[in-house]
Amino acid sequence: MTRRIADLEVSPIGFGGNVFGWTADESTSHDLLDAFLAQGGNVIDTADGYSFWAAGNSGGESETVIGSWLHKRKRRDDVVLATKVSTKPDRSGLAASNIDTALKESLTRLRTDYVDIYYAHFDDANTPLEETITAFEDARRQGLVRHVALSNYSPERINEWVSIAQVNGFAPPVVLQPHYNLLHRGDVEGPGNRGEVAAAHGLGLMPYFSLAAGFLTGKYRRGQQAQGDRAGMVADYDREECYAVVDALVEIAAAHGVEPAAVALAWLRDRPGVVAPLASARNLDQLGPLLQAMSLELAEEETEMLTRASDAARPQPA
């Protein structure tokens, strides 16, 4: 059930590496990657900034863990490796000189000569876009990067990037990584939004926060205060309409004998333009739903049930 982005064959679910070196230590992270590949996964997504927000970290921890795994397992040719630039505190922004330094440092941490997908993580209004695009193209021509990609870019800036690339004869981006899930759809779906613009330019979608920071796993319950590392990220979902989405996930999951998270990922996996949703797991138990989602097939009425519940949970205009 693999899919394609340009010349890359990718698994239908990708592993989000933000947990590596944060909530998953090196040994556990290696076990997770072993199990993910053993069940047909191959997309490993990280960023140079992961996980600077954790106490004692400065960024680069996730890449370092992935690099140690690649070095020990010798599996580089078996994975589609993606990383990003612009958020590491000492390598912020998208100036050409910063990209050059940050990429070389990422490659050193990852213990590889190239990355398959290199993202501009967040737009940098302080750097001319042509400078950024030229730096990405230079890295691609040097063989340090196979494909260019964008994360969190607005439709207008996506159009501008593609236009500049075309005028200069540069390779266009092939992937857009947006925030997208059953509870966050408004800036991806609909006329003029990210999904439509990505489709117009042939960019596949690899959504992040596919499980709404864990809310769509069903672990948060009505009337119970959220706990844990991501509690603050799910505060906006403490609404009856959002719990109704989880109720639908639980019901469908029970019918298939899988976890609710697997159903949420399968729904997103099959949305128009989506190539591989990204999700994280900090232990082998949490990895189970990601593996289930790679092959889970939802009935049309189940997909429609989830979409209706999601529609009802959309924030209403003030």
Protein backbone atom coordinates (compact mmCIF):
# COMPACT_ATOMS: atom_id res chain seq x y z
CA MET A 1 0.00 0.00 0.00
CA THR A 2 2.91 2.34 -0.67
CA ARG A 3 2.40 5.72 -2.29
CA ARG A 4 4.62 8.00 -4.34
CA ILE A 5 6.04 11.49 -4.01
CA ALA A 6 8.11 12.35 -7.08
CA ASP A 7 10.54 9.41 -7.31
CA LEU A 8 10.08 8.37 -3.67
CA GLU A 9 8.01 5.36 -2.66
CA VAL A 10 6.55 6.10 0.77
CA SER A 11 4.56 4.24 3.38
CA PRO A 12 0.97 5.45 3.95
CA ILE A 13 1.84 6.56 7.50
CA GLY A 14 4.99 8.41 8.51
CA PHE A 15 6.73 8.43 11.88
CA GLY A 16 7.02 11.84 13.50
CA GLY A 17 10.40 11.99 15.21
CA ASN A 18 9.71 14.91 17.55
CA VAL A 19 9.55 12.47 20.49
CA PHE A 20 13.09 11.17 19.97
CA GLY A 21 15.36 12.59 22.63
CA TRP A 22 12.34 14.07 24.41
CA THR A 23 9.67 11.64 25.62
CA ALA A 24 11.43 8.62 24.09
CA ASP A 25 15.03 7.93 25.08
CA GLU A 26 17.59 6.61 22.60
CA SER A 27 17.07 2.91 23.31
CA THR A 28 13.28 3.17 23.10
CA SER A 29 13.53 5.29 19.96
CA HIS A 30 15.66 2.63 18.28
CA ASP A 31 13.10 -0.04 19.22
CA LEU A 32 10.32 2.11 17.77
CA LEU A 33 12.13 2.60 14.50
CA ASP A 34 12.92 -1.10 14.25
CA ALA A 35 9.27 -2.02 14.74
CA PHE A 36 8.05 0.68 12.35
CA LEU A 37 10.26 -0.55 9.54
CA ALA A 38 9.48 -4.19 10.28
CA GLN A 39 5.80 -3.48 9.58
CA GLY A 40 6.35 -1.64 6.32
CA GLY A 41 6.90 1.94 7.46
CA ASN A 42 9.67 3.95 5.85
CA VAL A 43 8.97 7.69 6.30
CA ILE A 44 10.92 9.20 9.20
CA ASP A 45 10.25 12.89 9.78
CA THR A 46 12.28 15.15 12.04
CA ALA A 47 13.63 18.71 12.27
CA ASP A 48 16.82 20.36 13.45
CA GLY A 49 14.80 22.16 16.15
CA TYR A 50 13.47 18.96 17.79
CA SER A 51 13.36 19.13 20.76
CA PHE A 52 14.78 22.45 21.96
CA TRP A 53 11.68 23.05 24.12
CA ALA A 54 12.48 20.22 26.52
CA ALA A 55 14.49 20.94 29.66
CA GLY A 56 18.20 20.47 29.01
CA ASN A 57 17.79 20.28 25.23
CA SER A 58 18.98 22.77 22.64
CA GLY A 59 17.69 21.22 19.39
CA GLY A 60 19.18 18.47 17.28
CA GLU A 61 18.39 15.73 19.78
CA SER A 62 15.94 13.93 17.49
CA GLU A 63 18.35 13.96 14.55
CA THR A 64 21.13 12.65 16.78
CA VAL A 65 18.99 9.70 17.91
CA ILE A 66 17.97 8.87 14.34
CA GLY A 67 21.60 9.14 13.27
CA SER A 68 22.75 6.69 15.92
CA TRP A 69 20.03 4.26 14.79
CA LEU A 70 21.03 4.60 11.12
CA HIS A 71 24.66 4.03 12.06
CA LYS A 72 23.90 0.90 14.07
CA ARG A 73 21.29 -0.66 11.79
CA LYS A 74 22.71 0.31 8.39
CA ARG A 75 19.17 0.95 7.08
CA ARG A 76 19.68 4.26 5.25
CA ASP A 77 18.53 2.88 1.90
CA ASP A 78 15.35 1.54 3.51
CA VAL A 79 14.01 4.86 4.74
CA VAL A 80 12.69 8.12 3.34
CA LEU A 81 14.36 10.61 5.65
CA ALA A 82 12.98 14.12 6.06
CA THR A 83 14.24 16.99 8.17
CA LYS A 84 13.61 20.73 8.40
CA VAL A 85 15.39 24.02 8.98
CA SER A 86 14.54 27.35 10.68
CA THR A 87 13.50 26.60 14.28
CA LYS A 88 16.71 25.50 16.02
CA PRO A 89 17.43 28.45 18.35
CA ASP A 90 21.00 28.93 17.15
CA ARG A 91 20.08 28.24 13.50
CA SER A 92 16.83 30.16 13.16
CA GLY A 93 15.52 31.62 9.94
CA LEU A 94 16.08 30.90 6.28
CA ALA A 95 19.01 33.05 5.23
CA ALA A 96 21.25 31.25 2.74
CA SER A 97 24.22 31.10 5.08
CA ASN A 98 22.09 29.67 7.85
CA ILE A 99 20.60 27.01 5.59
CA ASP A 100 24.06 25.96 4.43
CA THR A 101 25.37 25.61 7.99
CA ALA A 102 22.20 24.08 9.42
CA LEU A 103 21.94 21.43 6.70
CA LYS A 104 25.54 20.33 7.12
CA GLU A 105 25.02 20.08 10.88
CA SER A 106 21.82 18.06 10.35
CA LEU A 107 23.64 15.65 8.05
CA THR A 108 26.36 15.21 10.65
CA ARG A 109 23.84 14.44 13.39
CA LEU A 110 21.88 12.12 11.10
CA ARG A 111 25.09 10.38 9.98
CA THR A 112 24.10 10.48 6.35
CA ASP A 113 25.31 12.20 3.18
CA TYR A 114 21.85 13.40 2.11
CA VAL A 115 18.23 13.77 3.14
CA ASP A 116 15.39 12.69 0.90
CA ILE A 117 13.10 15.60 1.80
CA TYR A 118 14.31 18.94 3.16
CA TYR A 119 11.69 21.34 4.50
CA ALA A 120 11.60 25.05 5.01
CA HIS A 121 9.95 24.62 8.43
CA PHE A 122 8.42 28.08 8.84
CA ASP A 123 8.39 31.04 6.49
CA ASP A 124 10.98 33.73 7.19
CA ALA A 125 9.65 37.19 6.44
CA ASN A 126 13.06 38.73 7.15
CA THR A 127 14.81 36.91 4.30
CA PRO A 128 14.04 37.44 0.61
CA LEU A 129 12.25 34.36 -0.63
CA GLU A 130 14.49 34.11 -3.69
CA GLU A 131 17.54 33.86 -1.40
CA THR A 132 15.96 30.98 0.50
CA ILE A 133 14.87 29.15 -2.65
CA THR A 134 18.30 29.54 -4.22
CA ALA A 135 19.94 28.08 -1.12
CA PHE A 136 17.62 25.07 -1.23
CA GLU A 137 18.34 24.58 -4.92
CA ASP A 138 22.08 24.80 -4.31
CA ALA A 139 21.78 22.06 -1.67
CA ARG A 140 19.79 19.91 -4.09
CA ARG A 141 22.31 20.34 -6.88
CA GLN A 142 25.12 19.40 -4.51
CA GLY A 143 23.31 16.14 -3.79
CA LEU A 144 22.76 16.99 -0.13
CA VAL A 145 18.99 17.08 -0.64
CA ARG A 146 16.89 14.99 -3.02
CA HIS A 147 13.68 17.01 -2.80
CA VAL A 148 12.60 20.39 -1.48
CA ALA A 149 9.50 20.79 0.67
CA LEU A 150 7.49 23.37 2.63
CA SER A 151 5.89 23.31 6.07
CA ASN A 152 3.40 25.83 7.46
CA TYR A 153 3.55 28.07 4.38
CA SER A 154 0.52 30.14 3.42
CA PRO A 155 -1.17 29.59 0.03
CA GLU A 156 0.18 32.93 -1.18
CA ARG A 157 3.76 32.09 -0.26
CA ILE A 158 3.47 28.60 -1.76
CA ASN A 159 2.43 30.21 -5.05
CA GLU A 160 5.29 32.68 -4.80
CA TRP A 161 7.86 29.93 -4.09
CA VAL A 162 6.71 27.85 -7.05
CA SER A 163 6.71 30.88 -9.34
CA ILE A 164 10.27 31.86 -8.38
CA ALA A 165 11.44 28.27 -8.84
CA GLN A 166 9.87 28.11 -12.30
CA VAL A 167 11.36 31.42 -13.46
CA ASN A 168 14.84 30.34 -12.36
CA GLY A 169 14.63 26.77 -13.58
CA PHE A 170 14.84 25.38 -10.05
CA ALA A 171 13.25 22.17 -8.86
CA PRO A 172 9.82 22.88 -7.32
CA PRO A 173 8.80 21.70 -3.86
CA VAL A 174 7.15 18.28 -3.83
CA VAL A 175 5.59 18.15 -0.35
CA LEU A 176 3.59 20.46 1.89
CA GLN A 177 3.39 19.66 5.59
CA PRO A 178 0.33 21.34 7.13
CA HIS A 179 -1.42 21.08 10.48
CA TYR A 180 -4.35 18.84 9.55
CA ASN A 181 -6.61 16.36 11.34
CA LEU A 182 -10.25 15.64 12.12
CA LEU A 183 -10.38 18.68 14.40
CA HIS A 184 -8.24 21.04 12.31
CA ARG A 185 -9.28 21.30 8.67
CA GLY A 186 -10.22 24.89 7.93
CA ASP A 187 -6.92 26.16 6.55
CA VAL A 188 -6.31 23.04 4.42
CA GLU A 189 -9.70 22.33 2.86
CA GLY A 190 -11.80 24.68 0.76
CA PRO A 191 -11.26 27.11 -2.13
CA GLY A 192 -7.90 28.86 -2.08
CA ASN A 193 -6.66 27.00 0.98
CA ARG A 194 -3.45 25.01 1.36
CA GLY A 195 -4.87 21.76 -0.01
CA GLU A 196 -6.15 23.31 -3.21
CA VAL A 197 -2.93 25.25 -3.82
CA ALA A 198 -0.81 22.18 -3.08
CA ALA A 199 -2.85 20.13 -5.55
CA ALA A 200 -2.50 22.82 -8.23
CA HIS A 201 1.27 22.59 -7.94
CA GLY A 202 1.51 18.83 -7.52
CA LEU A 203 2.57 18.89 -3.86
CA GLY A 204 1.61 15.88 -1.76
CA LEU A 205 0.38 16.53 1.78
CA MET A 206 2.17 15.04 4.79
CA PRO A 207 0.13 16.41 7.70
CA TYR A 208 1.50 16.87 11.20
CA PHE A 209 -0.53 16.83 14.44
CA SER A 210 -2.54 14.10 12.70
CA LEU A 211 -3.87 12.94 16.09
CA ALA A 212 -4.50 16.45 17.45
CA ALA A 213 -1.69 16.19 20.01
CA GLY A 214 -3.14 12.90 21.24
CA PHE A 215 -6.75 14.03 21.65
CA LEU A 216 -7.91 11.71 18.86
CA THR A 217 -6.44 8.68 20.62
CA GLY A 218 -9.36 8.84 23.05
CA LYS A 219 -7.18 9.25 26.14
CA TYR A 220 -8.84 12.53 27.15
CA ARG A 221 -12.28 12.27 28.73
CA ARG A 222 -15.14 14.64 29.38
CA GLY A 223 -14.84 16.43 32.69
CA GLN A 224 -11.26 15.32 33.32
CA GLN A 225 -8.43 17.82 33.25
CA ALA A 226 -5.80 16.90 30.68
CA GLN A 227 -2.45 15.78 32.05
CA GLY A 228 0.97 15.15 30.51
CA ASP A 229 3.45 16.84 28.20
CA ARG A 230 0.85 17.87 25.65
CA ALA A 231 -2.02 18.87 27.92
CA GLY A 232 -1.78 22.51 26.92
CA MET A 233 -2.02 21.61 23.24
CA VAL A 234 -5.47 20.03 23.60
CA ALA A 235 -7.14 22.76 25.64
CA ASP A 236 -9.04 24.06 22.60
CA TYR A 237 -10.61 20.64 22.10
CA ASP A 238 -12.35 20.59 25.48
CA ARG A 239 -15.75 20.96 23.80
CA GLU A 240 -18.66 18.55 23.49
CA GLU A 241 -18.44 18.57 19.69
CA CYS A 242 -14.82 17.42 19.85
CA TYR A 243 -15.63 14.63 22.28
CA ALA A 244 -18.36 13.55 19.84
CA VAL A 245 -15.66 13.04 17.21
CA VAL A 246 -13.79 10.82 19.66
CA ASP A 247 -17.01 8.91 20.36
CA ALA A 248 -17.34 8.18 16.64
CA LEU A 249 -13.72 7.05 16.49
CA VAL A 250 -14.23 4.72 19.45
CA GLU A 251 -17.35 3.19 17.88
CA ILE A 252 -15.71 2.56 14.51
CA ALA A 253 -12.52 1.29 16.12
CA ALA A 254 -14.49 -1.27 18.12
CA ALA A 255 -16.09 -2.55 14.92
CA HIS A 256 -12.67 -3.12 13.37
CA GLY A 257 -10.85 -4.33 16.48
CA VAL A 258 -8.34 -1.49 16.32
CA GLU A 259 -7.47 1.59 18.35
CA PRO A 260 -9.31 4.92 17.82
CA ALA A 261 -6.04 6.54 16.75
CA ALA A 262 -5.79 4.10 13.85
CA VAL A 263 -9.21 5.16 12.63
CA ALA A 264 -8.32 8.86 12.87
CA LEU A 265 -5.15 8.27 10.86
CA ALA A 266 -6.94 6.15 8.24
CA TRP A 267 -9.54 8.90 7.73
CA LEU A 268 -6.79 11.48 7.23
CA ARG A 269 -4.68 9.14 5.09
CA ASP A 270 -7.53 8.97 2.56
CA ARG A 271 -8.33 12.69 2.36
CA PRO A 272 -7.72 14.29 -1.05
CA GLY A 273 -4.07 15.06 -1.65
CA VAL A 274 -2.77 13.34 1.48
CA VAL A 275 0.19 11.03 0.89
CA ALA A 276 1.25 10.08 4.42
CA PRO A 277 0.00 11.54 7.71
CA LEU A 278 2.68 11.84 10.37
CA ALA A 279 2.18 10.56 13.89
CA SER A 280 4.41 9.98 16.89
CA ALA A 281 4.72 7.22 19.48
CA ARG A 282 6.86 7.31 22.59
CA ASN A 283 6.60 3.58 23.31
CA LEU A 284 5.75 0.36 21.50
CA ASP A 285 2.18 0.34 22.81
CA GLN A 286 1.55 3.73 21.23
CA LEU A 287 3.10 2.54 17.98
CA GLY A 288 0.39 -0.09 17.49
CA PRO A 289 -2.26 2.26 16.04
CA LEU A 290 0.21 3.72 13.54
CA LEU A 291 0.88 0.25 12.24
CA GLN A 292 -2.83 -0.61 12.16
CA ALA A 293 -3.54 2.56 10.16
CA MET A 294 -1.23 1.52 7.35
CA SER A 295 -3.70 -1.11 6.16
CA LEU A 296 -7.01 -0.25 7.85
CA GLU A 297 -9.80 0.27 5.31
CA LEU A 298 -12.84 2.27 6.42
CA ALA A 299 -16.27 1.72 4.91
CA GLU A 300 -17.72 4.69 3.05
CA GLU A 301 -20.40 5.16 5.69
CA GLU A 302 -17.74 5.17 8.42
CA THR A 303 -15.76 7.86 6.63
CA GLU A 304 -18.92 9.91 6.20
CA MET A 305 -19.81 9.47 9.87
CA LEU A 306 -16.43 10.84 10.90
CA THR A 307 -16.62 13.73 8.45
CA ARG A 308 -20.06 14.73 9.74
CA ALA A 309 -18.82 14.68 13.32
CA SER A 310 -15.77 16.68 12.28
CA ASP A 311 -17.94 19.23 10.46
CA ALA A 312 -19.99 19.73 13.63
CA ALA A 313 -16.83 20.29 15.67
CA ARG A 314 -15.46 23.07 13.49
CA PRO A 315 -15.05 26.32 15.45
CA GLN A 316 -17.87 28.73 14.66
CA PRO A 317 -17.08 32.28 13.49
CA ALA A 318 -17.30 34.86 16.26
